Amino acid sequence: MLDNVLALSSYEPLIPITIYPHLSLLSLIIGVFFMAWFFTLEVTSKSSSNLFKELTTSLIGSTFLGFGTVFLLLSVGIYV
């Protein structure tokens, strides 16, 4: 029984832990860029609003901000 437990390999994540801070910074920067772009789309003229462009921009921005937040939490030791 003990031999079976010792023969198991330890868990290794798909993404190395050492690049979590870099991934969080990159994802948050891209997310803030798309968030700012979305805000400028909303503030500018309403006559030329494009729903597809607004939804695409908000989806990309929120996805990058979400992943950036997760990697930021993981890089400081809060495992979610």
PDB file of N, CA and C in Angstrom:
ATOM      1  N   MET A   1       0.830  -1.194   0.000  1.00  0.00           N
ATOM      2  CA  MET A   1       0.000   0.000   0.000  1.00  0.00           C
ATOM      3  C   MET A   1       0.873   1.256   0.000  1.00  0.00           C
ATOM      4  N   LEU A   2       1.892   1.279   0.848  1.00  0.00           N
ATOM      5  CA  LEU A   2       2.773   2.441   0.927  1.00  0.00           C
ATOM      6  C   LEU A   2       3.584   2.607  -0.355  1.00  0.00           C
ATOM      7  N   ASP A   3       3.922   1.500  -1.000  1.00  0.00           N
ATOM      8  CA  ASP A   3       4.664   1.579  -2.253  1.00  0.00           C
ATOM      9  C   ASP A   3       3.840   2.255  -3.345  1.00  0.00           C
ATOM     10  N   ASN A   4       2.525   1.992  -3.353  1.00  0.00           N
ATOM     11  CA  ASN A   4       1.656   2.622  -4.348  1.00  0.00           C
ATOM     12  C   ASN A   4       1.581   4.133  -4.150  1.00  0.00           C
ATOM     13  N   VAL A   5       1.530   4.563  -2.899  1.00  0.00           N
ATOM     14  CA  VAL A   5       1.454   5.993  -2.612  1.00  0.00           C
ATOM     15  C   VAL A   5       2.766   6.679  -2.975  1.00  0.00           C
ATOM     16  N   LEU A   6       3.875   6.052  -2.684  1.00  0.00           N
ATOM     17  CA  LEU A   6       5.174   6.643  -2.993  1.00  0.00           C
ATOM     18  C   LEU A   6       5.457   6.667  -4.494  1.00  0.00           C
ATOM     19  N   ALA A   7       4.830   5.780  -5.241  1.00  0.00           N
ATOM     20  CA  ALA A   7       5.055   5.713  -6.680  1.00  0.00           C
ATOM     21  C   ALA A   7       4.292   6.799  -7.436  1.00  0.00           C
ATOM     22  N   LEU A   8       3.333   7.441  -6.791  1.00  0.00           N
ATOM     23  CA  LEU A   8       2.562   8.484  -7.453  1.00  0.00           C
ATOM     24  C   LEU A   8       3.418   9.726  -7.669  1.00  0.00           C
ATOM     25  N   SER A   9       3.201  10.372  -8.792  1.00  0.00           N
ATOM     26  CA  SER A   9       3.943  11.609  -9.057  1.00  0.00           C
ATOM     27  C   SER A   9       3.176  12.798  -8.483  1.00  0.00           C
ATOM     28  N   SER A  10       3.915  13.838  -8.150  1.00  0.00           N
ATOM     29  CA  SER A  10       3.277  15.021  -7.580  1.00  0.00           C
ATOM     30  C   SER A  10       2.564  15.806  -8.681  1.00  0.00           C
ATOM     31  N   TYR A  11       1.614  16.620  -8.259  1.00  0.00           N
ATOM     32  CA  TYR A  11       0.833  17.417  -9.202  1.00  0.00           C
ATOM     33  C   TYR A  11       1.668  18.570  -9.744  1.00  0.00           C
ATOM     34  N   GLU A  12       1.653  18.737 -11.048  1.00  0.00           N
ATOM     35  CA  GLU A  12       2.306  19.870 -11.686  1.00  0.00           C
ATOM     36  C   GLU A  12       1.268  20.593 -12.530  1.00  0.00           C
ATOM     37  N   PRO A  13       1.090  21.897 -12.298  1.00  0.00           N
ATOM     38  CA  PRO A  13       0.100  22.640 -13.085  1.00  0.00           C
ATOM     39  C   PRO A  13       0.528  22.769 -14.545  1.00  0.00           C
ATOM     40  N   LEU A  14      -0.453  22.993 -15.419  1.00  0.00           N
ATOM     41  CA  LEU A  14      -0.149  23.151 -16.837  1.00  0.00           C
ATOM     42  C   LEU A  14       0.651  24.423 -17.107  1.00  0.00           C
ATOM     43  N   ILE A  15       0.372  25.462 -16.335  1.00  0.00           N
ATOM     44  CA  ILE A  15       1.098  26.727 -16.459  1.00  0.00           C
ATOM     45  C   ILE A  15       2.050  26.828 -15.276  1.00  0.00           C
ATOM     46  N   PRO A  16       3.342  27.015 -15.512  1.00  0.00           N
ATOM     47  CA  PRO A  16       4.298  27.093 -14.397  1.00  0.00           C
ATOM     48  C   PRO A  16       3.968  28.249 -13.447  1.00  0.00           C
ATOM     49  N   ILE A  17       4.171  28.010 -12.169  1.00  0.00           N
ATOM     50  CA  ILE A  17       3.834  28.988 -11.138  1.00  0.00           C
ATOM     51  C   ILE A  17       4.687  30.250 -11.274  1.00  0.00           C
ATOM     52  N   THR A  18       5.868  30.125 -11.813  1.00  0.00           N
ATOM     53  CA  THR A  18       6.773  31.276 -11.898  1.00  0.00           C
ATOM     54  C   THR A  18       6.299  32.346 -12.881  1.00  0.00           C
ATOM     55  N   ILE A  19       5.419  31.999 -13.816  1.00  0.00           N
ATOM     56  CA  ILE A  19       4.965  33.015 -14.771  1.00  0.00           C
ATOM     57  C   ILE A  19       3.586  33.572 -14.420  1.00  0.00           C
ATOM     58  N   TYR A  20       3.028  33.218 -13.256  1.00  0.00           N
ATOM     59  CA  TYR A  20       1.742  33.784 -12.839  1.00  0.00           C
ATOM     60  C   TYR A  20       1.773  35.309 -12.743  1.00  0.00           C
ATOM     61  N   PRO A  21       2.798  35.916 -12.138  1.00  0.00           N
ATOM     62  CA  PRO A  21       2.799  37.392 -12.085  1.00  0.00           C
ATOM     63  C   PRO A  21       2.841  38.043 -13.471  1.00  0.00           C
ATOM     64  N   HIS A  22       3.584  37.446 -14.388  1.00  0.00           N
ATOM     65  CA  HIS A  22       3.679  37.999 -15.738  1.00  0.00           C
ATOM     66  C   HIS A  22       2.347  37.861 -16.476  1.00  0.00           C
ATOM     67  N   LEU A  23       1.697  36.711 -16.308  1.00  0.00           N
ATOM     68  CA  LEU A  23       0.397  36.519 -16.942  1.00  0.00           C
ATOM     69  C   LEU A  23      -0.650  37.463 -16.371  1.00  0.00           C
ATOM     70  N   SER A  24      -0.605  37.679 -15.065  1.00  0.00           N
ATOM     71  CA  SER A  24      -1.586  38.583 -14.467  1.00  0.00           C
ATOM     72  C   SER A  24      -1.370  40.008 -14.955  1.00  0.00           C
ATOM     73  N   LEU A  25      -0.135  40.457 -15.001  1.00  0.00           N
ATOM     74  CA  LEU A  25       0.141  41.817 -15.455  1.00  0.00           C
ATOM     75  C   LEU A  25      -0.263  42.001 -16.915  1.00  0.00           C
ATOM     76  N   LEU A  26       0.100  41.058 -17.758  1.00  0.00           N
ATOM     77  CA  LEU A  26      -0.236  41.152 -19.172  1.00  0.00           C
ATOM     78  C   LEU A  26      -1.748  41.120 -19.385  1.00  0.00           C
ATOM     79  N   SER A  27      -2.438  40.204 -18.714  1.00  0.00           N
ATOM     80  CA  SER A  27      -3.891  40.098 -18.871  1.00  0.00           C
ATOM     81  C   SER A  27      -4.607  41.332 -18.348  1.00  0.00           C
ATOM     82  N   LEU A  28      -4.157  41.872 -17.228  1.00  0.00           N
ATOM     83  CA  LEU A  28      -4.799  43.067 -16.682  1.00  0.00           C
ATOM     84  C   LEU A  28      -4.556  44.288 -17.565  1.00  0.00           C
ATOM     85  N   ILE A  29      -3.384  44.411 -18.147  1.00  0.00           N
ATOM     86  CA  ILE A  29      -3.116  45.536 -19.048  1.00  0.00           C
ATOM     87  C   ILE A  29      -3.998  45.449 -20.291  1.00  0.00           C
ATOM     88  N   ILE A  30      -4.096  44.264 -20.877  1.00  0.00           N
ATOM     89  CA  ILE A  30      -4.951  44.094 -22.054  1.00  0.00           C
ATOM     90  C   ILE A  30      -6.411  44.339 -21.686  1.00  0.00           C
ATOM     91  N   GLY A  31      -6.840  43.846 -20.529  1.00  0.00           N
ATOM     92  CA  GLY A  31      -8.219  44.046 -20.093  1.00  0.00           C
ATOM     93  C   GLY A  31      -8.554  45.501 -19.851  1.00  0.00           C
ATOM     94  N   VAL A  32      -7.640  46.250 -19.246  1.00  0.00           N
ATOM     95  CA  VAL A  32      -7.875  47.683 -19.012  1.00  0.00           C
ATOM     96  C   VAL A  32      -7.902  48.439 -20.339  1.00  0.00           C
ATOM     97  N   PHE A  33      -7.082  48.027 -21.298  1.00  0.00           N
ATOM     98  CA  PHE A  33      -7.118  48.648 -22.625  1.00  0.00           C
ATOM     99  C   PHE A  33      -8.489  48.474 -23.269  1.00  0.00           C
ATOM    100  N   PHE A  34      -9.019  47.245 -23.253  1.00  0.00           N
ATOM    101  CA  PHE A  34     -10.327  47.008 -23.854  1.00  0.00           C
ATOM    102  C   PHE A  34     -11.444  47.670 -23.053  1.00  0.00           C
ATOM    103  N   MET A  35     -11.282  47.782 -21.742  1.00  0.00           N
ATOM    104  CA  MET A  35     -12.267  48.479 -20.929  1.00  0.00           C
ATOM    105  C   MET A  35     -12.302  49.965 -21.300  1.00  0.00           C
ATOM    106  N   ALA A  36     -11.144  50.573 -21.468  1.00  0.00           N
ATOM    107  CA  ALA A  36     -11.088  51.981 -21.863  1.00  0.00           C
ATOM    108  C   ALA A  36     -11.665  52.180 -23.261  1.00  0.00           C
ATOM    109  N   TRP A  37     -11.381  51.232 -24.147  1.00  0.00           N
ATOM    110  CA  TRP A  37     -11.927  51.316 -25.500  1.00  0.00           C
ATOM    111  C   TRP A  37     -13.447  51.198 -25.463  1.00  0.00           C
ATOM    112  N   PHE A  38     -13.965  50.327 -24.616  1.00  0.00           N
ATOM    113  CA  PHE A  38     -15.409  50.181 -24.476  1.00  0.00           C
ATOM    114  C   PHE A  38     -16.033  51.463 -23.939  1.00  0.00           C
ATOM    115  N   PHE A  39     -15.393  52.084 -22.957  1.00  0.00           N
ATOM    116  CA  PHE A  39     -15.921  53.343 -22.419  1.00  0.00           C
ATOM    117  C   PHE A  39     -15.944  54.434 -23.486  1.00  0.00           C
ATOM    118  N   THR A  40     -14.908  54.502 -24.308  1.00  0.00           N
ATOM    119  CA  THR A  40     -14.920  55.514 -25.369  1.00  0.00           C
ATOM    120  C   THR A  40     -15.988  55.212 -26.412  1.00  0.00           C
ATOM    121  N   LEU A  41     -16.272  53.944 -26.667  1.00  0.00           N
ATOM    122  CA  LEU A  41     -17.362  53.600 -27.578  1.00  0.00           C
ATOM    123  C   LEU A  41     -18.709  54.040 -27.015  1.00  0.00           C
ATOM    124  N   GLU A  42     -18.885  53.917 -25.719  1.00  0.00           N
ATOM    125  CA  GLU A  42     -20.156  54.275 -25.101  1.00  0.00           C
ATOM    126  C   GLU A  42     -20.340  55.783 -24.983  1.00  0.00           C
ATOM    127  N   VAL A  43     -19.269  56.515 -24.811  1.00  0.00           N
ATOM    128  CA  VAL A  43     -19.372  57.958 -24.600  1.00  0.00           C
ATOM    129  C   VAL A  43     -19.537  58.710 -25.920  1.00  0.00           C
ATOM    130  N   THR A  44     -18.951  58.185 -26.996  1.00  0.00           N
ATOM    131  CA  THR A  44     -19.025  58.879 -28.279  1.00  0.00           C
ATOM    132  C   THR A  44     -20.442  58.830 -28.832  1.00  0.00           C
ATOM    133  N   SER A  45     -20.633  59.324 -30.013  1.00  0.00           N
ATOM    134  CA  SER A  45     -21.969  59.539 -30.583  1.00  0.00           C
ATOM    135  C   SER A  45     -22.814  58.265 -30.583  1.00  0.00           C
ATOM    136  N   LYS A  46     -24.066  58.438 -30.198  1.00  0.00           N
ATOM    137  CA  LYS A  46     -24.989  57.302 -30.132  1.00  0.00           C
ATOM    138  C   LYS A  46     -25.539  56.935 -31.506  1.00  0.00           C
ATOM    139  N   SER A  47     -25.438  57.846 -32.466  1.00  0.00           N
ATOM    140  CA  SER A  47     -25.993  57.548 -33.790  1.00  0.00           C
ATOM    141  C   SER A  47     -25.175  56.489 -34.526  1.00  0.00           C
ATOM    142  N   SER A  48     -23.916  56.375 -34.188  1.00  0.00           N
ATOM    143  CA  SER A  48     -23.065  55.397 -34.876  1.00  0.00           C
ATOM    144  C   SER A  48     -22.743  54.197 -33.986  1.00  0.00           C
ATOM    145  N   SER A  49     -23.623  53.886 -33.052  1.00  0.00           N
ATOM    146  CA  SER A  49     -23.343  52.758 -32.155  1.00  0.00           C
ATOM    147  C   SER A  49     -23.548  51.433 -32.888  1.00  0.00           C
ATOM    148  N   ASN A  50     -22.689  50.497 -32.608  1.00  0.00           N
ATOM    149  CA  ASN A  50     -22.727  49.179 -33.222  1.00  0.00           C
ATOM    150  C   ASN A  50     -22.767  48.154 -32.093  1.00  0.00           C
ATOM    151  N   LEU A  51     -23.873  47.428 -31.984  1.00  0.00           N
ATOM    152  CA  LEU A  51     -24.060  46.498 -30.875  1.00  0.00           C
ATOM    153  C   LEU A  51     -23.023  45.383 -30.901  1.00  0.00           C
ATOM    154  N   PHE A  52     -22.716  44.869 -32.084  1.00  0.00           N
ATOM    155  CA  PHE A  52     -21.741  43.780 -32.182  1.00  0.00           C
ATOM    156  C   PHE A  52     -20.361  44.232 -31.704  1.00  0.00           C
ATOM    157  N   LYS A  53     -19.966  45.439 -32.089  1.00  0.00           N
ATOM    158  CA  LYS A  53     -18.659  45.962 -31.683  1.00  0.00           C
ATOM    159  C   LYS A  53     -18.608  46.183 -30.178  1.00  0.00           C
ATOM    160  N   GLU A  54     -19.706  46.684 -29.605  1.00  0.00           N
ATOM    161  CA  GLU A  54     -19.749  46.920 -28.163  1.00  0.00           C
ATOM    162  C   GLU A  54     -19.702  45.607 -27.384  1.00  0.00           C
ATOM    163  N   LEU A  55     -20.468  44.615 -27.840  1.00  0.00           N
ATOM    164  CA  LEU A  55     -20.474  43.320 -27.147  1.00  0.00           C
ATOM    165  C   LEU A  55     -19.132  42.608 -27.268  1.00  0.00           C
ATOM    166  N   THR A  56     -18.530  42.684 -28.437  1.00  0.00           N
ATOM    167  CA  THR A  56     -17.227  42.043 -28.631  1.00  0.00           C
ATOM    168  C   THR A  56     -16.157  42.689 -27.753  1.00  0.00           C
ATOM    169  N   THR A  57     -16.150  44.009 -27.725  1.00  0.00           N
ATOM    170  CA  THR A  57     -15.160  44.723 -26.915  1.00  0.00           C
ATOM    171  C   THR A  57     -15.344  44.428 -25.436  1.00  0.00           C
ATOM    172  N   SER A  58     -16.587  44.434 -24.976  1.00  0.00           N
ATOM    173  CA  SER A  58     -16.832  44.165 -23.552  1.00  0.00           C
ATOM    174  C   SER A  58     -16.518  42.718 -23.196  1.00  0.00           C
ATOM    175  N   LEU A  59     -16.801  41.783 -24.088  1.00  0.00           N
ATOM    176  CA  LEU A  59     -16.505  40.373 -23.822  1.00  0.00           C
ATOM    177  C   LEU A  59     -14.997  40.131 -23.739  1.00  0.00           C
ATOM    178  N   ILE A  60     -14.250  40.706 -24.660  1.00  0.00           N
ATOM    179  CA  ILE A  60     -12.793  40.536 -24.636  1.00  0.00           C
ATOM    180  C   ILE A  60     -12.202  41.180 -23.388  1.00  0.00           C
ATOM    181  N   GLY A  61     -12.649  42.387 -23.076  1.00  0.00           N
ATOM    182  CA  GLY A  61     -12.129  43.084 -21.901  1.00  0.00           C
ATOM    183  C   GLY A  61     -12.436  42.366 -20.604  1.00  0.00           C
ATOM    184  N   SER A  62     -13.673  41.897 -20.457  1.00  0.00           N
ATOM    185  CA  SER A  62     -14.031  41.210 -19.212  1.00  0.00           C
ATOM    186  C   SER A  62     -13.333  39.863 -19.087  1.00  0.00           C
ATOM    187  N   THR A  63     -13.099  39.190 -20.200  1.00  0.00           N
ATOM    188  CA  THR A  63     -12.373  37.916 -20.154  1.00  0.00           C
ATOM    189  C   THR A  63     -10.933  38.126 -19.698  1.00  0.00           C
ATOM    190  N   PHE A  64     -10.261  39.105 -20.276  1.00  0.00           N
ATOM    191  CA  PHE A  64      -8.881  39.373 -19.873  1.00  0.00           C
ATOM    192  C   PHE A  64      -8.802  39.869 -18.436  1.00  0.00           C
ATOM    193  N   LEU A  65      -9.753  40.710 -18.013  1.00  0.00           N
ATOM    194  CA  LEU A  65      -9.746  41.176 -16.627  1.00  0.00           C
ATOM    195  C   LEU A  65     -10.015  40.022 -15.658  1.00  0.00           C
ATOM    196  N   GLY A  66     -10.887  39.097 -16.044  1.00  0.00           N
ATOM    197  CA  GLY A  66     -11.165  37.940 -15.194  1.00  0.00           C
ATOM    198  C   GLY A  66      -9.958  37.035 -15.040  1.00  0.00           C
ATOM    199  N   PHE A  67      -9.313  36.701 -16.160  1.00  0.00           N
ATOM    200  CA  PHE A  67      -8.121  35.859 -16.078  1.00  0.00           C
ATOM    201  C   PHE A  67      -6.978  36.576 -15.373  1.00  0.00           C
ATOM    202  N   GLY A  68      -6.863  37.873 -15.588  1.00  0.00           N
ATOM    203  CA  GLY A  68      -5.827  38.638 -14.896  1.00  0.00           C
ATOM    204  C   GLY A  68      -6.027  38.638 -13.397  1.00  0.00           C
ATOM    205  N   THR A  69      -7.282  38.749 -12.964  1.00  0.00           N
ATOM    206  CA  THR A  69      -7.577  38.711 -11.531  1.00  0.00           C
ATOM    207  C   THR A  69      -7.267  37.343 -10.941  1.00  0.00           C
ATOM    208  N   VAL A  70      -7.626  36.285 -11.654  1.00  0.00           N
ATOM    209  CA  VAL A  70      -7.345  34.928 -11.163  1.00  0.00           C
ATOM    210  C   VAL A  70      -5.840  34.704 -11.044  1.00  0.00           C
ATOM    211  N   PHE A  71      -5.074  35.091 -12.054  1.00  0.00           N
ATOM    212  CA  PHE A  71      -3.625  34.905 -11.989  1.00  0.00           C
ATOM    213  C   PHE A  71      -2.988  35.807 -10.942  1.00  0.00           C
ATOM    214  N   LEU A  72      -3.559  36.987 -10.704  1.00  0.00           N
ATOM    215  CA  LEU A  72      -3.046  37.847  -9.642  1.00  0.00           C
ATOM    216  C   LEU A  72      -3.263  37.197  -8.282  1.00  0.00           C
ATOM    217  N   LEU A  73      -4.446  36.638  -8.062  1.00  0.00           N
ATOM    218  CA  LEU A  73      -4.711  35.956  -6.795  1.00  0.00           C
ATOM    219  C   LEU A  73      -3.802  34.740  -6.625  1.00  0.00           C
ATOM    220  N   LEU A  74      -3.592  33.995  -7.699  1.00  0.00           N
ATOM    221  CA  LEU A  74      -2.714  32.825  -7.618  1.00  0.00           C
ATOM    222  C   LEU A  74      -1.261  33.227  -7.363  1.00  0.00           C
ATOM    223  N   SER A  75      -0.837  34.338  -7.935  1.00  0.00           N
ATOM    224  CA  SER A  75       0.567  34.729  -7.766  1.00  0.00           C
ATOM    225  C   SER A  75       0.874  35.218  -6.360  1.00  0.00           C
ATOM    226  N   VAL A  76      -0.126  35.720  -5.630  1.00  0.00           N
ATOM    227  CA  VAL A  76       0.121  36.164  -4.255  1.00  0.00           C
ATOM    228  C   VAL A  76      -0.190  35.075  -3.237  1.00  0.00           C
ATOM    229  N   GLY A  77      -0.613  33.913  -3.699  1.00  0.00           N
ATOM    230  CA  GLY A  77      -0.800  32.790  -2.789  1.00  0.00           C
ATOM    231  C   GLY A  77      -2.227  32.522  -2.369  1.00  0.00           C
ATOM    232  N   ILE A  78      -3.195  33.190  -2.988  1.00  0.00           N
ATOM    233  CA  ILE A  78      -4.605  32.915  -2.700  1.00  0.00           C
ATOM    234  C   ILE A  78      -5.088  31.956  -3.776  1.00  0.00           C
ATOM    235  N   TYR A  79      -5.184  30.702  -3.434  1.00  0.00           N
ATOM    236  CA  TYR A  79      -5.516  29.675  -4.417  1.00  0.00           C
ATOM    237  C   TYR A  79      -7.027  29.514  -4.512  1.00  0.00           C
ATOM    238  N   VAL A  80      -7.566  29.922  -5.649  1.00  0.00           N
ATOM    239  CA  VAL A  80      -9.012  29.865  -5.881  1.00  0.00           C
ATOM    240  C   VAL A  80      -9.358  28.710  -6.781  1.00  0.00           C
TER     241      VAL A  80
END
